[in-house]
Amino acid sequence: MSYQKYGIRPQLVERVKLKMKNPVIKDRMRLLLGNVTKYDLQDRSKVKKLVKSAASILSEQLTDTQEDQIITFILAQKIDPNNTFHLLKLWSMFR
């Protein structure tokens, strides 16, 4: 899986996937990410703020290293949230 190349542990991903099944958490994440643009997702400071907010919503304590790995991964993906192909690619990565 490509996220592992960035040092992101599968255990963290599995915990997050499990927590995202909770409708309350899912709605809070949807509110957090609802208006995010591709430009936001290429701005390191905005991505860092989003990662910190998401970790708080998910009650995940991230180390500085984990946080940096996730930020680097997000920036490298060049995600456009309005591009269906990008979203499908991400979906398949975390299935």
C-alpha atoms as a PDB file:
ATOM      1  CA  MET A   1       0.000   0.000   0.000  1.00  0.00           C
ATOM      2  CA  SER A   2       1.384   3.348  -0.914  1.00  0.00           C
ATOM      3  CA  TYR A   3       0.715   5.060   2.434  1.00  0.00           C
ATOM      4  CA  GLN A   4       3.142   2.577   4.034  1.00  0.00           C
ATOM      5  CA  LYS A   5       5.957   4.030   1.914  1.00  0.00           C
ATOM      6  CA  TYR A   6       5.501   7.210   3.933  1.00  0.00           C
ATOM      7  CA  GLY A   7       5.877   5.354   7.234  1.00  0.00           C
ATOM      8  CA  ILE A   8       2.169   5.376   8.075  1.00  0.00           C
ATOM      9  CA  ARG A   9       1.393   2.213  10.011  1.00  0.00           C
ATOM     10  CA  PRO A  10      -1.468  -0.066   8.869  1.00  0.00           C
ATOM     11  CA  GLN A  11      -2.655  -0.324  12.500  1.00  0.00           C
ATOM     12  CA  LEU A  12      -3.318   3.427  12.568  1.00  0.00           C
ATOM     13  CA  VAL A  13      -5.191   3.249   9.274  1.00  0.00           C
ATOM     14  CA  GLU A  14      -7.329   0.344  10.519  1.00  0.00           C
ATOM     15  CA  ARG A  15      -8.184   2.193  13.759  1.00  0.00           C
ATOM     16  CA  VAL A  16      -9.198   5.286  11.799  1.00  0.00           C
ATOM     17  CA  LYS A  17     -11.315   3.224   9.380  1.00  0.00           C
ATOM     18  CA  LEU A  18     -13.102   1.601  12.316  1.00  0.00           C
ATOM     19  CA  LYS A  19     -13.747   4.952  14.011  1.00  0.00           C
ATOM     20  CA  MET A  20     -15.055   6.428  10.739  1.00  0.00           C
ATOM     21  CA  LYS A  21     -17.909   3.902  10.837  1.00  0.00           C
ATOM     22  CA  ASN A  22     -19.359   5.878  13.746  1.00  0.00           C
ATOM     23  CA  PRO A  23     -21.961   8.240  12.169  1.00  0.00           C
ATOM     24  CA  VAL A  24     -21.201  11.073  14.619  1.00  0.00           C
ATOM     25  CA  ILE A  25     -17.479  11.004  13.864  1.00  0.00           C
ATOM     26  CA  LYS A  26     -18.159  10.643  10.141  1.00  0.00           C
ATOM     27  CA  ASP A  27     -20.383  13.746  10.195  1.00  0.00           C
ATOM     28  CA  ARG A  28     -17.791  15.766  12.125  1.00  0.00           C
ATOM     29  CA  MET A  29     -15.123  14.762   9.595  1.00  0.00           C
ATOM     30  CA  ARG A  30     -17.453  15.653   6.730  1.00  0.00           C
ATOM     31  CA  LEU A  31     -17.944  19.121   8.257  1.00  0.00           C
ATOM     32  CA  LEU A  32     -14.180  19.529   8.685  1.00  0.00           C
ATOM     33  CA  LEU A  33     -13.370  18.523   5.111  1.00  0.00           C
ATOM     34  CA  GLY A  34     -16.502  19.667   3.284  1.00  0.00           C
ATOM     35  CA  ASN A  35     -15.112  22.908   1.885  1.00  0.00           C
ATOM     36  CA  VAL A  36     -11.493  21.852   1.405  1.00  0.00           C
ATOM     37  CA  THR A  37     -10.016  22.669  -2.021  1.00  0.00           C
ATOM     38  CA  LYS A  38      -7.105  21.168  -3.921  1.00  0.00           C
ATOM     39  CA  TYR A  39      -5.156  24.330  -3.100  1.00  0.00           C
ATOM     40  CA  ASP A  40      -5.800  23.789   0.620  1.00  0.00           C
ATOM     41  CA  LEU A  41      -4.458  20.248   0.258  1.00  0.00           C
ATOM     42  CA  GLN A  42      -1.208  21.557  -1.242  1.00  0.00           C
ATOM     43  CA  ASP A  43      -0.610  24.097   1.542  1.00  0.00           C
ATOM     44  CA  ARG A  44       1.517  22.464   4.252  1.00  0.00           C
ATOM     45  CA  SER A  45       0.235  24.715   7.048  1.00  0.00           C
ATOM     46  CA  LYS A  46      -3.430  24.112   6.141  1.00  0.00           C
ATOM     47  CA  VAL A  47      -2.864  20.360   5.850  1.00  0.00           C
ATOM     48  CA  LYS A  48      -1.144  20.368   9.250  1.00  0.00           C
ATOM     49  CA  LYS A  49      -4.142  22.148  10.780  1.00  0.00           C
ATOM     50  CA  LEU A  50      -6.536  19.651   9.124  1.00  0.00           C
ATOM     51  CA  VAL A  51      -4.505  16.672  10.361  1.00  0.00           C
ATOM     52  CA  LYS A  52      -4.502  18.043  13.924  1.00  0.00           C
ATOM     53  CA  SER A  53      -8.266  18.681  13.780  1.00  0.00           C
ATOM     54  CA  ALA A  54      -8.959  15.242  12.315  1.00  0.00           C
ATOM     55  CA  ALA A  55      -6.798  13.562  14.976  1.00  0.00           C
ATOM     56  CA  SER A  56      -8.750  15.423  17.648  1.00  0.00           C
ATOM     57  CA  ILE A  57     -12.106  14.341  16.177  1.00  0.00           C
ATOM     58  CA  LEU A  58     -10.849  10.743  16.007  1.00  0.00           C
ATOM     59  CA  SER A  59      -9.293  10.890  19.515  1.00  0.00           C
ATOM     60  CA  GLU A  60      -5.952   9.817  18.058  1.00  0.00           C
ATOM     61  CA  GLN A  61      -2.750  10.954  19.739  1.00  0.00           C
ATOM     62  CA  LEU A  62      -0.250  11.443  16.915  1.00  0.00           C
ATOM     63  CA  THR A  63       3.462  11.876  17.485  1.00  0.00           C
ATOM     64  CA  ASP A  64       5.209  14.692  15.629  1.00  0.00           C
ATOM     65  CA  THR A  65       6.731  12.048  13.345  1.00  0.00           C
ATOM     66  CA  GLN A  66       3.352  10.469  12.559  1.00  0.00           C
ATOM     67  CA  GLU A  67       1.851  13.867  11.920  1.00  0.00           C
ATOM     68  CA  ASP A  68       4.682  14.774   9.540  1.00  0.00           C
ATOM     69  CA  GLN A  69       4.363  11.428   7.716  1.00  0.00           C
ATOM     70  CA  ILE A  70       0.635  11.992   7.169  1.00  0.00           C
ATOM     71  CA  ILE A  71       1.178  15.576   5.993  1.00  0.00           C
ATOM     72  CA  THR A  72       3.898  14.465   3.563  1.00  0.00           C
ATOM     73  CA  PHE A  73       1.619  11.693   2.258  1.00  0.00           C
ATOM     74  CA  ILE A  74      -1.301  14.091   1.687  1.00  0.00           C
ATOM     75  CA  LEU A  75       0.882  16.651  -0.084  1.00  0.00           C
ATOM     76  CA  ALA A  76       2.425  13.961  -2.311  1.00  0.00           C
ATOM     77  CA  GLN A  77      -0.985  12.698  -3.473  1.00  0.00           C
ATOM     78  CA  LYS A  78      -1.887  16.079  -5.044  1.00  0.00           C
ATOM     79  CA  ILE A  79      -5.538  15.428  -4.171  1.00  0.00           C
ATOM     80  CA  ASP A  80      -8.290  17.353  -5.923  1.00  0.00           C
ATOM     81  CA  PRO A  81     -11.475  16.726  -3.897  1.00  0.00           C
ATOM     82  CA  ASN A  82     -13.577  17.690  -6.941  1.00  0.00           C
ATOM     83  CA  ASN A  83     -11.930  15.087  -9.164  1.00  0.00           C
ATOM     84  CA  THR A  84     -13.766  11.768  -8.971  1.00  0.00           C
ATOM     85  CA  PHE A  85     -10.712   9.874 -10.240  1.00  0.00           C
ATOM     86  CA  HIS A  86      -8.602  11.205  -7.343  1.00  0.00           C
ATOM     87  CA  LEU A  87     -11.269  10.207  -4.834  1.00  0.00           C
ATOM     88  CA  LEU A  88     -11.592   6.713  -6.329  1.00  0.00           C
ATOM     89  CA  LYS A  89      -7.804   6.305  -6.210  1.00  0.00           C
ATOM     90  CA  LEU A  90      -7.804   7.213  -2.515  1.00  0.00           C
ATOM     91  CA  TRP A  91     -10.783   4.971  -1.837  1.00  0.00           C
ATOM     92  CA  SER A  92      -9.033   1.979  -3.401  1.00  0.00           C
ATOM     93  CA  MET A  93      -5.836   2.732  -1.453  1.00  0.00           C
ATOM     94  CA  PHE A  94      -7.644   2.415   1.900  1.00  0.00           C
ATOM     95  CA  ARG A  95     -10.166  -0.349   1.180  1.00  0.00           C
END
